[in-house]
Amino acid sequence: MAENEKSLEDIIKEAVEMFRPQLQADGGDMEYISLDDQKRVHLKLVGACGSCPMAVMTLKMGVERYLKDACPEITEVVQDTDEGM
């Protein structure tokens, strides 16, 4: 890998940081958790986003679309929650 090439995870983290102000404007936020073996990005929605009934739509239609544009390799964005299944 060339010195100036970024890892997929670095690109994802940068894209998350670029999208966060849109959530923060509405009192919410998100935290990057991990990238799994299936190239799914795990995020945690917090603040107003954590309890918003539209959070899943925001995650799929907003965040996932944005991250897939930045990183076409990712397959999905999923929300991690504190509650155990």
Protein backbone atom coordinates (compact mmCIF):
# COMPACT_ATOMS: atom_id res chain seq x y z
CA MET A 1 0.00 0.00 0.00
CA ALA A 2 1.36 3.41 -0.93
CA GLU A 3 2.24 5.77 1.87
CA ASN A 4 -0.55 8.21 0.99
CA GLU A 5 -3.23 5.48 0.66
CA LYS A 6 -5.70 5.33 3.49
CA SER A 7 -7.21 2.16 4.87
CA LEU A 8 -10.91 1.51 4.30
CA GLU A 9 -11.52 2.07 8.00
CA ASP A 10 -9.79 5.48 7.85
CA ILE A 11 -11.97 6.51 4.90
CA ILE A 12 -15.10 5.37 6.74
CA LYS A 13 -14.12 7.28 9.88
CA GLU A 14 -13.53 10.45 7.83
CA ALA A 15 -16.91 10.07 6.12
CA VAL A 16 -18.61 9.57 9.50
CA GLU A 17 -16.97 12.77 10.76
CA MET A 18 -18.19 14.64 7.67
CA PHE A 19 -21.79 13.46 8.21
CA ARG A 20 -21.96 13.99 11.99
CA PRO A 21 -22.74 17.75 11.85
CA GLN A 22 -26.02 16.98 10.06
CA LEU A 23 -27.11 14.82 13.01
CA GLN A 24 -25.71 17.23 15.59
CA ALA A 25 -27.81 20.04 14.11
CA ASP A 26 -30.89 18.10 15.27
CA GLY A 27 -29.50 17.25 18.70
CA GLY A 28 -28.24 13.80 17.77
CA ASP A 29 -24.93 12.19 16.96
CA MET A 30 -23.35 8.90 16.00
CA GLU A 31 -20.29 6.97 17.07
CA TYR A 32 -18.24 4.70 14.83
CA ILE A 33 -17.99 1.25 16.44
CA SER A 34 -16.36 -1.11 13.94
CA LEU A 35 -16.06 -2.58 10.47
CA ASP A 36 -16.79 -6.31 10.43
CA ASP A 37 -15.61 -9.12 8.14
CA GLN A 38 -18.64 -8.71 5.88
CA LYS A 39 -17.65 -5.04 5.40
CA ARG A 40 -20.64 -3.84 7.41
CA VAL A 41 -20.13 -0.59 9.28
CA HIS A 42 -21.39 -0.65 12.87
CA LEU A 43 -22.50 2.70 14.28
CA LYS A 44 -24.22 3.75 17.48
CA LEU A 45 -26.78 6.54 17.28
CA VAL A 46 -26.80 8.73 20.38
CA GLY A 47 -28.53 11.81 21.73
CA ALA A 48 -31.81 12.64 19.98
CA CYS A 49 -30.99 10.06 17.29
CA GLY A 50 -30.84 7.25 19.82
CA SER A 51 -34.54 7.56 20.66
CA CYS A 52 -35.92 9.00 17.43
CA PRO A 53 -38.52 6.89 15.64
CA MET A 54 -36.99 7.98 12.31
CA ALA A 55 -33.48 6.84 13.30
CA VAL A 56 -33.55 3.69 11.14
CA MET A 57 -34.56 5.72 8.10
CA THR A 58 -31.85 8.28 8.85
CA LEU A 59 -29.32 5.49 9.19
CA LYS A 60 -30.29 3.71 5.97
CA MET A 61 -31.32 6.57 3.68
CA GLY A 62 -28.86 9.13 4.95
CA VAL A 63 -25.78 7.69 6.62
CA GLU A 64 -25.60 4.42 4.66
CA ARG A 65 -26.04 6.17 1.31
CA TYR A 66 -23.38 8.75 2.22
CA LEU A 67 -20.89 6.13 3.43
CA LYS A 68 -21.44 3.89 0.39
CA ASP A 69 -20.73 6.87 -1.87
CA ALA A 70 -17.48 7.48 0.03
CA CYS A 71 -16.59 3.77 0.31
CA PRO A 72 -18.30 1.59 -2.32
CA GLU A 73 -16.72 -1.52 -0.72
CA ILE A 74 -19.01 -1.40 2.31
CA THR A 75 -22.08 -3.61 2.15
CA GLU A 76 -24.31 -2.16 4.85
CA VAL A 77 -24.52 0.21 7.80
CA VAL A 78 -26.00 -1.28 10.95
CA GLN A 79 -26.92 0.25 14.28
CA ASP A 80 -25.37 -1.17 17.42
CA THR A 81 -27.35 -0.68 20.61
CA ASP A 82 -26.51 -1.14 24.27
CA GLU A 83 -29.38 -3.57 24.83
CA GLY A 84 -28.54 -7.24 24.54
CA MET A 85 -30.72 -9.42 22.32
